[in-house]
PDB file of N, CA and C in Angstrom:
ATOM      1  N   MET A   1       0.836  -1.256  -0.059  1.00  0.00           N
ATOM      2  CA  MET A   1      -0.062  -0.059   0.023  1.00  0.00           C
ATOM      3  C   MET A   1       0.796   1.219   0.013  1.00  0.00           C
ATOM      4  N   ASP A   2       0.533   2.158  -0.716  1.00  0.00           N
ATOM      5  CA  ASP A   2       1.256   3.496  -0.785  1.00  0.00           C
ATOM      6  C   ASP A   2       0.498   4.530   0.065  1.00  0.00           C
ATOM      7  N   THR A   3       1.336   5.598   0.399  1.00  0.00           N
ATOM      8  CA  THR A   3       0.765   6.680   1.282  1.00  0.00           C
ATOM      9  C   THR A   3      -0.421   7.382   0.794  1.00  0.00           C
ATOM     10  N   GLU A   4      -0.450   7.430  -0.481  1.00  0.00           N
ATOM     11  CA  GLU A   4      -1.599   8.169  -1.189  1.00  0.00           C
ATOM     12  C   GLU A   4      -2.930   7.464  -1.066  1.00  0.00           C
ATOM     13  N   THR A   5      -2.786   6.045  -1.160  1.00  0.00           N
ATOM     14  CA  THR A   5      -4.005   5.228  -1.051  1.00  0.00           C
ATOM     15  C   THR A   5      -4.441   5.136   0.472  1.00  0.00           C
ATOM     16  N   ASP A   6      -3.474   5.098   1.277  1.00  0.00           N
ATOM     17  CA  ASP A   6      -3.792   5.003   2.807  1.00  0.00           C
ATOM     18  C   ASP A   6      -4.434   6.227   3.107  1.00  0.00           C
ATOM     19  N   ASN A   7      -3.918   7.426   2.764  1.00  0.00           N
ATOM     20  CA  ASN A   7      -4.646   8.813   3.007  1.00  0.00           C
ATOM     21  C   ASN A   7      -6.049   8.901   2.406  1.00  0.00           C
ATOM     22  N   GLU A   8      -6.220   8.237   1.246  1.00  0.00           N
ATOM     23  CA  GLU A   8      -7.582   8.299   0.565  1.00  0.00           C
ATOM     24  C   GLU A   8      -8.579   7.492   1.494  1.00  0.00           C
ATOM     25  N   PHE A   9      -8.088   6.356   2.046  1.00  0.00           N
ATOM     26  CA  PHE A   9      -8.950   5.542   2.889  1.00  0.00           C
ATOM     27  C   PHE A   9      -9.310   6.330   4.141  1.00  0.00           C
ATOM     28  N   GLN A  10      -8.432   7.030   4.600  1.00  0.00           N
ATOM     29  CA  GLN A  10      -8.482   7.833   5.896  1.00  0.00           C
ATOM     30  C   GLN A  10      -9.543   8.978   5.585  1.00  0.00           C
ATOM     31  N   ASN A  11      -9.496   9.618   4.591  1.00  0.00           N
ATOM     32  CA  ASN A  11     -10.250  10.655   4.222  1.00  0.00           C
ATOM     33  C   ASN A  11     -11.756  10.151   3.921  1.00  0.00           C
ATOM     34  N   GLN A  12     -11.803   9.044   3.272  1.00  0.00           N
ATOM     35  CA  GLN A  12     -13.166   8.453   3.177  1.00  0.00           C
ATOM     36  C   GLN A  12     -13.917   8.159   4.506  1.00  0.00           C
ATOM     37  N   ALA A  13     -13.029   7.655   5.381  1.00  0.00           N
ATOM     38  CA  ALA A  13     -13.653   7.343   6.709  1.00  0.00           C
ATOM     39  C   ALA A  13     -14.062   8.511   7.468  1.00  0.00           C
ATOM     40  N   ILE A  14     -13.235   9.586   7.405  1.00  0.00           N
ATOM     41  CA  ILE A  14     -13.503  10.900   8.012  1.00  0.00           C
ATOM     42  C   ILE A  14     -14.742  11.424   7.459  1.00  0.00           C
ATOM     43  N   THR A  15     -15.036  11.450   6.137  1.00  0.00           N
ATOM     44  CA  THR A  15     -16.098  11.811   5.399  1.00  0.00           C
ATOM     45  C   THR A  15     -17.364  11.159   5.855  1.00  0.00           C
ATOM     46  N   ALA A  16     -17.290   9.923   6.114  1.00  0.00           N
ATOM     47  CA  ALA A  16     -18.413   9.060   6.555  1.00  0.00           C
ATOM     48  C   ALA A  16     -18.768   9.443   7.956  1.00  0.00           C
ATOM     49  N   LEU A  17     -17.680   9.601   8.816  1.00  0.00           N
ATOM     50  CA  LEU A  17     -17.988  10.103  10.261  1.00  0.00           C
ATOM     51  C   LEU A  17     -18.672  11.427  10.176  1.00  0.00           C
ATOM     52  N   ASP A  18     -18.126  12.340   9.392  1.00  0.00           N
ATOM     53  CA  ASP A  18     -18.662  13.731   9.418  1.00  0.00           C
ATOM     54  C   ASP A  18     -20.181  13.698   8.895  1.00  0.00           C
ATOM     55  N   ASN A  19     -20.524  12.695   8.057  1.00  0.00           N
ATOM     56  CA  ASN A  19     -21.844  12.487   7.583  1.00  0.00           C
ATOM     57  C   ASN A  19     -22.699  11.661   8.555  1.00  0.00           C
ATOM     58  N   ARG A  20     -22.090  11.458   9.807  1.00  0.00           N
ATOM     59  CA  ARG A  20     -22.796  10.667  10.790  1.00  0.00           C
ATOM     60  C   ARG A  20     -23.116   9.264  10.389  1.00  0.00           C
ATOM     61  N   LEU A  21     -22.248   8.748   9.591  1.00  0.00           N
ATOM     62  CA  LEU A  21     -22.337   7.250   9.250  1.00  0.00           C
ATOM     63  C   LEU A  21     -23.798   6.961   8.628  1.00  0.00           C
ATOM     64  N   MET A  22     -24.287   7.974   7.882  1.00  0.00           N
ATOM     65  CA  MET A  22     -25.725   7.760   7.374  1.00  0.00           C
ATOM     66  C   MET A  22     -25.791   6.514   6.515  1.00  0.00           C
ATOM     67  N   ASP A  23     -25.070   6.252   5.603  1.00  0.00           N
ATOM     68  CA  ASP A  23     -25.294   5.148   4.635  1.00  0.00           C
ATOM     69  C   ASP A  23     -24.464   3.931   5.029  1.00  0.00           C
ATOM     70  N   ALA A  24     -23.941   3.908   6.226  1.00  0.00           N
ATOM     71  CA  ALA A  24     -23.084   2.845   6.799  1.00  0.00           C
ATOM     72  C   ALA A  24     -24.029   1.883   7.498  1.00  0.00           C
ATOM     73  N   THR A  25     -23.982   0.627   7.150  1.00  0.00           N
ATOM     74  CA  THR A  25     -24.597  -0.450   7.924  1.00  0.00           C
ATOM     75  C   THR A  25     -23.640  -1.540   8.151  1.00  0.00           C
ATOM     76  N   TRP A  26     -23.756  -2.071   9.304  1.00  0.00           N
ATOM     77  CA  TRP A  26     -22.953  -3.247   9.684  1.00  0.00           C
ATOM     78  C   TRP A  26     -23.673  -4.014  10.717  1.00  0.00           C
ATOM     79  N   SER A  27     -23.386  -5.334  10.827  1.00  0.00           N
ATOM     80  CA  SER A  27     -23.952  -6.164  11.764  1.00  0.00           C
ATOM     81  C   SER A  27     -22.878  -6.840  12.661  1.00  0.00           C
ATOM     82  N   ASN A  28     -22.331  -5.999  13.507  1.00  0.00           N
ATOM     83  CA  ASN A  28     -21.489  -6.510  14.553  1.00  0.00           C
ATOM     84  C   ASN A  28     -21.672  -5.861  15.838  1.00  0.00           C
ATOM     85  N   TYR A  29     -20.700  -6.034  16.679  1.00  0.00           N
ATOM     86  CA  TYR A  29     -20.987  -5.462  18.087  1.00  0.00           C
ATOM     87  C   TYR A  29     -20.512  -4.002  18.384  1.00  0.00           C
ATOM     88  N   ILE A  30     -20.229  -3.364  17.360  1.00  0.00           N
ATOM     89  CA  ILE A  30     -19.807  -1.933  17.576  1.00  0.00           C
ATOM     90  C   ILE A  30     -20.912  -1.034  17.546  1.00  0.00           C
ATOM     91  N   ASP A  31     -21.045  -0.226  18.432  1.00  0.00           N
ATOM     92  CA  ASP A  31     -22.119   0.726  18.712  1.00  0.00           C
ATOM     93  C   ASP A  31     -21.802   2.083  17.938  1.00  0.00           C
ATOM     94  N   LYS A  32     -22.528   2.070  16.821  1.00  0.00           N
ATOM     95  CA  LYS A  32     -22.346   3.293  15.803  1.00  0.00           C
ATOM     96  C   LYS A  32     -22.565   4.568  16.540  1.00  0.00           C
ATOM     97  N   LYS A  33     -23.539   4.720  17.386  1.00  0.00           N
ATOM     98  CA  LYS A  33     -23.827   5.952  18.142  1.00  0.00           C
ATOM     99  C   LYS A  33     -22.606   6.319  19.016  1.00  0.00           C
ATOM    100  N   GLN A  34     -22.084   5.424  19.734  1.00  0.00           N
ATOM    101  CA  GLN A  34     -20.884   5.574  20.578  1.00  0.00           C
ATOM    102  C   GLN A  34     -19.656   5.849  19.874  1.00  0.00           C
ATOM    103  N   LEU A  35     -19.514   5.299  18.655  1.00  0.00           N
ATOM    104  CA  LEU A  35     -18.431   5.564  17.812  1.00  0.00           C
ATOM    105  C   LEU A  35     -18.458   7.209  17.396  1.00  0.00           C
ATOM    106  N   LEU A  36     -19.612   7.622  17.044  1.00  0.00           N
ATOM    107  CA  LEU A  36     -19.918   9.018  16.614  1.00  0.00           C
ATOM    108  C   LEU A  36     -19.604   9.912  17.734  1.00  0.00           C
ATOM    109  N   ILE A  37     -19.910   9.457  18.924  1.00  0.00           N
ATOM    110  CA  ILE A  37     -19.611  10.326  20.155  1.00  0.00           C
ATOM    111  C   ILE A  37     -18.254  10.507  20.491  1.00  0.00           C
ATOM    112  N   MET A  38     -17.466   9.369  20.280  1.00  0.00           N
ATOM    113  CA  MET A  38     -16.062   9.327  20.503  1.00  0.00           C
ATOM    114  C   MET A  38     -15.412  10.308  19.451  1.00  0.00           C
ATOM    115  N   TYR A  39     -15.780  10.066  18.284  1.00  0.00           N
ATOM    116  CA  TYR A  39     -15.138  10.818  17.201  1.00  0.00           C
ATOM    117  C   TYR A  39     -15.412  12.371  17.369  1.00  0.00           C
ATOM    118  N   ALA A  40     -16.745  12.648  17.719  1.00  0.00           N
ATOM    119  CA  ALA A  40     -17.042  14.119  17.983  1.00  0.00           C
ATOM    120  C   ALA A  40     -16.278  14.820  19.129  1.00  0.00           C
ATOM    121  N   GLU A  41     -16.190  13.921  20.176  1.00  0.00           N
ATOM    122  CA  GLU A  41     -15.402  14.578  21.262  1.00  0.00           C
ATOM    123  C   GLU A  41     -13.962  14.949  20.976  1.00  0.00           C
ATOM    124  N   ALA A  42     -13.354  13.866  20.316  1.00  0.00           N
ATOM    125  CA  ALA A  42     -12.033  14.063  19.995  1.00  0.00           C
ATOM    126  C   ALA A  42     -11.817  15.233  18.973  1.00  0.00           C
ATOM    127  N   LYS A  43     -12.715  15.256  17.928  1.00  0.00           N
ATOM    128  CA  LYS A  43     -12.678  16.426  16.982  1.00  0.00           C
ATOM    129  C   LYS A  43     -12.915  17.751  17.518  1.00  0.00           C
ATOM    130  N   THR A  44     -13.748  17.941  18.474  1.00  0.00           N
ATOM    131  CA  THR A  44     -13.929  19.123  19.183  1.00  0.00           C
ATOM    132  C   THR A  44     -12.788  19.589  19.827  1.00  0.00           C
ATOM    133  N   ILE A  45     -12.123  18.736  20.584  1.00  0.00           N
ATOM    134  CA  ILE A  45     -10.816  19.120  21.387  1.00  0.00           C
ATOM    135  C   ILE A  45      -9.802  19.466  20.312  1.00  0.00           C
ATOM    136  N   LEU A  46      -9.599  18.781  19.311  1.00  0.00           N
ATOM    137  CA  LEU A  46      -8.572  19.043  18.211  1.00  0.00           C
ATOM    138  C   LEU A  46      -8.715  20.411  17.532  1.00  0.00           C
ATOM    139  N   ARG A  47     -10.187  20.694  17.426  1.00  0.00           N
ATOM    140  CA  ARG A  47     -10.436  22.013  16.730  1.00  0.00           C
ATOM    141  C   ARG A  47     -10.132  23.186  17.725  1.00  0.00           C
ATOM    142  N   HIS A  48     -10.359  22.838  18.918  1.00  0.00           N
ATOM    143  CA  HIS A  48     -10.183  23.975  19.990  1.00  0.00           C
ATOM    144  C   HIS A  48      -9.060  23.478  21.004  1.00  0.00           C
ATOM    145  N   PRO A  49      -7.841  23.471  20.706  1.00  0.00           N
ATOM    146  CA  PRO A  49      -6.884  22.779  21.533  1.00  0.00           C
ATOM    147  C   PRO A  49      -6.701  23.499  22.829  1.00  0.00           C
ATOM    148  N   THR A  50      -6.528  22.828  23.828  1.00  0.00           N
ATOM    149  CA  THR A  50      -6.401  23.346  25.322  1.00  0.00           C
ATOM    150  C   THR A  50      -5.041  23.547  25.680  1.00  0.00           C
ATOM    151  N   PRO A  51      -4.693  24.193  26.752  1.00  0.00           N
ATOM    152  CA  PRO A  51      -3.267  24.361  27.280  1.00  0.00           C
ATOM    153  C   PRO A  51      -2.852  22.960  27.802  1.00  0.00           C
ATOM    154  N   ASN A  52      -3.579  22.048  27.874  1.00  0.00           N
ATOM    155  CA  ASN A  52      -3.216  20.800  28.409  1.00  0.00           C
ATOM    156  C   ASN A  52      -2.825  19.872  27.345  1.00  0.00           C
ATOM    157  N   ARG A  53      -1.473  19.717  27.127  1.00  0.00           N
ATOM    158  CA  ARG A  53      -0.933  18.987  25.922  1.00  0.00           C
ATOM    159  C   ARG A  53      -1.395  17.442  26.036  1.00  0.00           C
ATOM    160  N   LYS A  54      -1.423  17.028  27.219  1.00  0.00           N
ATOM    161  CA  LYS A  54      -1.833  15.509  27.385  1.00  0.00           C
ATOM    162  C   LYS A  54      -3.176  15.336  26.935  1.00  0.00           C
ATOM    163  N   LEU A  55      -4.073  16.239  27.209  1.00  0.00           N
ATOM    164  CA  LEU A  55      -5.516  16.148  26.651  1.00  0.00           C
ATOM    165  C   LEU A  55      -5.474  16.190  25.203  1.00  0.00           C
ATOM    166  N   ASN A  56      -4.832  17.111  24.618  1.00  0.00           N
ATOM    167  CA  ASN A  56      -4.703  17.269  23.170  1.00  0.00           C
ATOM    168  C   ASN A  56      -4.215  16.058  22.532  1.00  0.00           C
ATOM    169  N   ALA A  57      -3.156  15.455  23.247  1.00  0.00           N
ATOM    170  CA  ALA A  57      -2.546  14.153  22.505  1.00  0.00           C
ATOM    171  C   ALA A  57      -3.518  12.955  22.574  1.00  0.00           C
ATOM    172  N   MET A  58      -4.175  12.945  23.825  1.00  0.00           N
ATOM    173  CA  MET A  58      -5.162  11.841  23.846  1.00  0.00           C
ATOM    174  C   MET A  58      -6.350  12.070  22.805  1.00  0.00           C
ATOM    175  N   ALA A  59      -6.820  13.161  22.647  1.00  0.00           N
ATOM    176  CA  ALA A  59      -7.817  13.580  21.666  1.00  0.00           C
ATOM    177  C   ALA A  59      -7.310  13.259  20.314  1.00  0.00           C
ATOM    178  N   LYS A  60      -6.101  13.487  19.944  1.00  0.00           N
ATOM    179  CA  LYS A  60      -5.566  13.059  18.681  1.00  0.00           C
ATOM    180  C   LYS A  60      -5.639  11.345  18.514  1.00  0.00           C
ATOM    181  N   SER A  61      -5.143  10.788  19.500  1.00  0.00           N
ATOM    182  CA  SER A  61      -5.204   9.372  19.431  1.00  0.00           C
ATOM    183  C   SER A  61      -6.593   8.826  19.254  1.00  0.00           C
ATOM    184  N   LEU A  62      -7.549   9.318  19.989  1.00  0.00           N
ATOM    185  CA  LEU A  62      -8.934   8.846  20.027  1.00  0.00           C
ATOM    186  C   LEU A  62      -9.440   9.145  18.470  1.00  0.00           C
ATOM    187  N   PHE A  63      -9.151  10.334  18.106  1.00  0.00           N
ATOM    188  CA  PHE A  63      -9.510  10.739  16.746  1.00  0.00           C
ATOM    189  C   PHE A  63      -9.111   9.640  15.733  1.00  0.00           C
ATOM    190  N   ASP A  64      -7.765   9.437  15.667  1.00  0.00           N
ATOM    191  CA  ASP A  64      -7.229   8.486  14.791  1.00  0.00           C
ATOM    192  C   ASP A  64      -7.861   7.111  14.894  1.00  0.00           C
ATOM    193  N   THR A  65      -7.955   6.625  16.175  1.00  0.00           N
ATOM    194  CA  THR A  65      -8.527   5.261  16.372  1.00  0.00           C
ATOM    195  C   THR A  65      -9.962   5.258  15.903  1.00  0.00           C
ATOM    196  N   SER A  66     -10.816   6.240  16.082  1.00  0.00           N
ATOM    197  CA  SER A  66     -12.268   6.291  15.619  1.00  0.00           C
ATOM    198  C   SER A  66     -12.215   6.186  14.118  1.00  0.00           C
ATOM    199  N   VAL A  67     -11.367   7.028  13.497  1.00  0.00           N
ATOM    200  CA  VAL A  67     -11.309   6.956  12.082  1.00  0.00           C
ATOM    201  C   VAL A  67     -10.878   5.505  11.559  1.00  0.00           C
ATOM    202  N   ARG A  68     -10.023   4.884  12.167  1.00  0.00           N
ATOM    203  CA  ARG A  68      -9.758   3.623  11.740  1.00  0.00           C
ATOM    204  C   ARG A  68     -10.779   2.364  11.956  1.00  0.00           C
ATOM    205  N   VAL A  69     -11.601   2.716  13.006  1.00  0.00           N
ATOM    206  CA  VAL A  69     -12.689   1.813  13.175  1.00  0.00           C
ATOM    207  C   VAL A  69     -13.699   2.069  11.983  1.00  0.00           C
ATOM    208  N   ALA A  70     -13.999   3.297  11.760  1.00  0.00           N
ATOM    209  CA  ALA A  70     -14.833   3.534  10.623  1.00  0.00           C
ATOM    210  C   ALA A  70     -14.409   3.073   9.278  1.00  0.00           C
ATOM    211  N   ARG A  71     -12.971   3.193   9.168  1.00  0.00           N
ATOM    212  CA  ARG A  71     -12.432   2.723   7.908  1.00  0.00           C
ATOM    213  C   ARG A  71     -12.591   1.254   7.679  1.00  0.00           C
ATOM    214  N   CYS A  72     -12.563   0.530   8.753  1.00  0.00           N
ATOM    215  CA  CYS A  72     -12.667  -0.985   8.607  1.00  0.00           C
ATOM    216  C   CYS A  72     -14.243  -1.246   8.291  1.00  0.00           C
ATOM    217  N   LEU A  73     -15.090  -0.556   8.824  1.00  0.00           N
ATOM    218  CA  LEU A  73     -16.478  -0.831   8.694  1.00  0.00           C
ATOM    219  C   LEU A  73     -17.152  -0.325   7.520  1.00  0.00           C
ATOM    220  N   VAL A  74     -16.844   0.957   7.009  1.00  0.00           N
ATOM    221  CA  VAL A  74     -17.554   1.600   6.155  1.00  0.00           C
ATOM    222  C   VAL A  74     -16.940   1.395   4.761  1.00  0.00           C
ATOM    223  N   ILE A  75     -15.764   1.089   4.538  1.00  0.00           N
ATOM    224  CA  ILE A  75     -15.175   0.943   3.298  1.00  0.00           C
ATOM    225  C   ILE A  75     -15.069  -0.421   2.991  1.00  0.00           C
ATOM    226  N   GLU A  76     -15.645  -0.881   1.864  1.00  0.00           N
ATOM    227  CA  GLU A  76     -15.680  -2.313   1.531  1.00  0.00           C
ATOM    228  C   GLU A  76     -14.343  -2.876   0.949  1.00  0.00           C
ATOM    229  N   ALA A  77     -13.531  -2.211   0.297  1.00  0.00           N
ATOM    230  CA  ALA A  77     -12.409  -2.557  -0.189  1.00  0.00           C
ATOM    231  C   ALA A  77     -11.483  -3.319   0.801  1.00  0.00           C
ATOM    232  N   PRO A  78     -10.874  -4.479   0.620  1.00  0.00           N
ATOM    233  CA  PRO A  78     -10.234  -5.257   1.674  1.00  0.00           C
ATOM    234  C   PRO A  78      -9.011  -4.468   1.828  1.00  0.00           C
ATOM    235  N   GLU A  79      -8.372  -3.638   0.983  1.00  0.00           N
ATOM    236  CA  GLU A  79      -7.164  -2.858   1.135  1.00  0.00           C
ATOM    237  C   GLU A  79      -7.348  -1.733   2.310  1.00  0.00           C
ATOM    238  N   ALA A  80      -8.674  -1.395   2.579  1.00  0.00           N
ATOM    239  CA  ALA A  80      -8.961  -0.357   3.677  1.00  0.00           C
ATOM    240  C   ALA A  80      -8.607  -0.862   4.906  1.00  0.00           C
ATOM    241  N   LYS A  81      -8.505  -2.326   5.155  1.00  0.00           N
ATOM    242  CA  LYS A  81      -8.347  -2.804   6.499  1.00  0.00           C
ATOM    243  C   LYS A  81      -6.829  -2.959   6.704  1.00  0.00           C
ATOM    244  N   VAL A  82      -5.974  -2.372   5.952  1.00  0.00           N
ATOM    245  CA  VAL A  82      -4.504  -2.267   5.958  1.00  0.00           C
ATOM    246  C   VAL A  82      -4.098  -0.742   6.134  1.00  0.00           C
ATOM    247  N   THR A  83      -3.294  -0.437   7.042  1.00  0.00           N
ATOM    248  CA  THR A  83      -2.762   0.963   7.054  1.00  0.00           C
ATOM    249  C   THR A  83      -1.189   1.012   7.048  1.00  0.00           C
ATOM    250  N   LEU A  84      -0.699   2.032   6.930  1.00  0.00           N
ATOM    251  CA  LEU A  84       0.754   2.275   6.931  1.00  0.00           C
ATOM    252  C   LEU A  84       1.131   2.816   8.359  1.00  0.00           C
ATOM    253  N   SER A  85       2.139   2.483   9.008  1.00  0.00           N
ATOM    254  CA  SER A  85       2.562   2.900  10.260  1.00  0.00           C
ATOM    255  C   SER A  85       4.125   2.896  10.231  1.00  0.00           C
ATOM    256  N   LYS A  86       4.778   4.012  10.138  1.00  0.00           N
ATOM    257  CA  LYS A  86       6.258   4.042  10.084  1.00  0.00           C
ATOM    258  C   LYS A  86       6.810   3.177   8.837  1.00  0.00           C
ATOM    259  N   GLY A  87       6.108   3.321   7.700  1.00  0.00           N
ATOM    260  CA  GLY A  87       6.536   2.552   6.579  1.00  0.00           C
ATOM    261  C   GLY A  87       6.041   1.208   6.475  1.00  0.00           C
ATOM    262  N   ARG A  88       5.490   0.562   7.575  1.00  0.00           N
ATOM    263  CA  ARG A  88       5.051  -0.808   7.594  1.00  0.00           C
ATOM    264  C   ARG A  88       3.606  -0.943   7.499  1.00  0.00           C
ATOM    265  N   GLU A  89       3.138  -1.986   6.773  1.00  0.00           N
ATOM    266  CA  GLU A  89       1.672  -2.193   6.697  1.00  0.00           C
ATOM    267  C   GLU A  89       1.220  -2.959   7.892  1.00  0.00           C
ATOM    268  N   ILE A  90       0.174  -2.461   8.526  1.00  0.00           N
ATOM    269  CA  ILE A  90      -0.388  -2.985   9.756  1.00  0.00           C
ATOM    270  C   ILE A  90      -1.866  -3.373   9.345  1.00  0.00           C
ATOM    271  N   GLU A  91      -2.344  -4.591   9.709  1.00  0.00           N
ATOM    272  CA  GLU A  91      -3.830  -4.994   9.553  1.00  0.00           C
ATOM    273  C   GLU A  91      -4.658  -4.372  10.575  1.00  0.00           C
ATOM    274  N   LEU A  92      -5.744  -3.773  10.190  1.00  0.00           N
ATOM    275  CA  LEU A  92      -6.679  -3.142  11.184  1.00  0.00           C
ATOM    276  C   LEU A  92      -7.830  -4.182  11.472  1.00  0.00           C
ATOM    277  N   ASP A  93      -8.214  -4.299  12.748  1.00  0.00           N
ATOM    278  CA  ASP A  93      -9.256  -5.041  13.179  1.00  0.00           C
ATOM    279  C   ASP A  93     -10.345  -4.194  13.903  1.00  0.00           C
ATOM    280  N   ALA A  94     -11.542  -3.961  13.416  1.00  0.00           N
ATOM    281  CA  ALA A  94     -12.576  -3.030  13.957  1.00  0.00           C
ATOM    282  C   ALA A  94     -12.754  -3.272  15.390  1.00  0.00           C
ATOM    283  N   LEU A  95     -12.926  -4.493  15.859  1.00  0.00           N
ATOM    284  CA  LEU A  95     -13.263  -4.809  17.209  1.00  0.00           C
ATOM    285  C   LEU A  95     -12.185  -4.447  18.170  1.00  0.00           C
ATOM    286  N   VAL A  96     -10.970  -4.801  17.786  1.00  0.00           N
ATOM    287  CA  VAL A  96      -9.772  -4.484  18.598  1.00  0.00           C
ATOM    288  C   VAL A  96      -9.738  -2.927  18.743  1.00  0.00           C
ATOM    289  N   LEU A  97      -9.844  -2.211  17.563  1.00  0.00           N
ATOM    290  CA  LEU A  97      -9.669  -0.691  17.553  1.00  0.00           C
ATOM    291  C   LEU A  97     -10.782  -0.122  18.390  1.00  0.00           C
ATOM    292  N   TYR A  98     -12.030  -0.662  18.298  1.00  0.00           N
ATOM    293  CA  TYR A  98     -13.149  -0.065  19.071  1.00  0.00           C
ATOM    294  C   TYR A  98     -12.864  -0.121  20.572  1.00  0.00           C
ATOM    295  N   ALA A  99     -12.349  -1.337  21.050  1.00  0.00           N
ATOM    296  CA  ALA A  99     -12.087  -1.597  22.381  1.00  0.00           C
ATOM    297  C   ALA A  99     -10.982  -0.451  22.901  1.00  0.00           C
ATOM    298  N   GLN A 100      -9.927  -0.306  21.986  1.00  0.00           N
ATOM    299  CA  GLN A 100      -8.995   0.662  22.257  1.00  0.00           C
ATOM    300  C   GLN A 100      -9.578   2.092  22.253  1.00  0.00           C
ATOM    301  N   ALA A 101     -10.450   2.314  21.443  1.00  0.00           N
ATOM    302  CA  ALA A 101     -11.068   3.651  21.401  1.00  0.00           C
ATOM    303  C   ALA A 101     -11.820   3.972  22.730  1.00  0.00           C
ATOM    304  N   GLU A 102     -12.649   2.902  23.221  1.00  0.00           N
ATOM    305  CA  GLU A 102     -13.264   3.028  24.535  1.00  0.00           C
ATOM    306  C   GLU A 102     -12.407   3.427  25.626  1.00  0.00           C
ATOM    307  N   LYS A 103     -11.097   2.691  25.653  1.00  0.00           N
ATOM    308  CA  LYS A 103     -10.138   2.996  26.681  1.00  0.00           C
ATOM    309  C   LYS A 103      -9.722   4.383  26.599  1.00  0.00           C
ATOM    310  N   GLU A 104      -9.385   4.821  25.341  1.00  0.00           N
ATOM    311  CA  GLU A 104      -8.881   6.248  25.101  1.00  0.00           C
ATOM    312  C   GLU A 104      -9.993   7.242  25.490  1.00  0.00           C
ATOM    313  N   LEU A 105     -11.277   6.916  25.208  1.00  0.00           N
ATOM    314  CA  LEU A 105     -12.265   7.850  25.713  1.00  0.00           C
ATOM    315  C   LEU A 105     -12.287   8.032  27.241  1.00  0.00           C
ATOM    316  N   LYS A 106     -12.036   6.939  28.002  1.00  0.00           N
ATOM    317  CA  LYS A 106     -12.086   7.014  29.449  1.00  0.00           C
ATOM    318  C   LYS A 106     -10.948   7.681  29.927  1.00  0.00           C
ATOM    319  N   GLN A 107      -9.730   7.526  29.248  1.00  0.00           N
ATOM    320  CA  GLN A 107      -8.553   8.292  29.596  1.00  0.00           C
ATOM    321  C   GLN A 107      -8.758   9.733  29.334  1.00  0.00           C
ATOM    322  N   LEU A 108      -9.342  10.109  28.193  1.00  0.00           N
ATOM    323  CA  LEU A 108      -9.496  11.480  27.852  1.00  0.00           C
ATOM    324  C   LEU A 108     -10.385  12.179  28.855  1.00  0.00           C
ATOM    325  N   HIS A 109     -11.414  11.551  29.317  1.00  0.00           N
ATOM    326  CA  HIS A 109     -12.342  12.061  30.305  1.00  0.00           C
ATOM    327  C   HIS A 109     -11.585  12.186  31.720  1.00  0.00           C
ATOM    328  N   MET A 110     -10.584  11.178  31.921  1.00  0.00           N
ATOM    329  CA  MET A 110      -9.928  11.349  33.308  1.00  0.00           C
ATOM    330  C   MET A 110      -8.999  12.536  33.259  1.00  0.00           C
ATOM    331  N   ILE A 111      -8.347  12.673  32.085  1.00  0.00           N
ATOM    332  CA  ILE A 111      -7.416  13.855  31.946  1.00  0.00           C
ATOM    333  C   ILE A 111      -8.190  15.158  32.046  1.00  0.00           C
ATOM    334  N   ALA A 112      -9.285  15.156  31.293  1.00  0.00           N
ATOM    335  CA  ALA A 112     -10.189  16.374  31.227  1.00  0.00           C
ATOM    336  C   ALA A 112     -10.738  16.901  32.511  1.00  0.00           C
ATOM    337  N   PHE A 113     -11.116  15.912  33.368  1.00  0.00           N
ATOM    338  CA  PHE A 113     -11.692  16.269  34.613  1.00  0.00           C
ATOM    339  C   PHE A 113     -10.826  16.056  35.866  1.00  0.00           C
ATOM    340  N   GLN A 114      -9.439  16.018  35.663  1.00  0.00           N
ATOM    341  CA  GLN A 114      -8.507  15.914  36.689  1.00  0.00           C
ATOM    342  C   GLN A 114      -8.587  17.327  37.433  1.00  0.00           C
ATOM    343  N   LYS A 115      -8.355  17.363  38.649  1.00  0.00           N
ATOM    344  CA  LYS A 115      -8.245  18.535  39.418  1.00  0.00           C
ATOM    345  C   LYS A 115      -6.787  18.950  39.352  1.00  0.00           C
ATOM    346  N   ARG A 116      -6.557  20.165  39.261  1.00  0.00           N
ATOM    347  CA  ARG A 116      -5.228  20.635  39.147  1.00  0.00           C
ATOM    348  C   ARG A 116      -4.705  21.306  40.438  1.00  0.00           C
TER     349      ARG A 116
END
């Protein structure tokens, strides 16, 4: 897979999420509504960065993970389930990524609501 193709799949997944996954249908254990919530929370923080760099970094991680989940589920091409990371191809698994996104959301909330 080349970088251009990888970026195109990412952009298609972002577009699907921005359109609230309207045309997306899937029959697995991933909660579409919760995925949209995770994506929206992360995107909001990224659009309005905070002085808390840890919170911004966690939002970026959650955003990327949410996009990868959508990429696996929305794009039918088998190549969409592979991404590049540091020049290496990595297979994406929607269920594993969704579980990771749930953990990241909890961490994001813990960071956001920490008393200083």
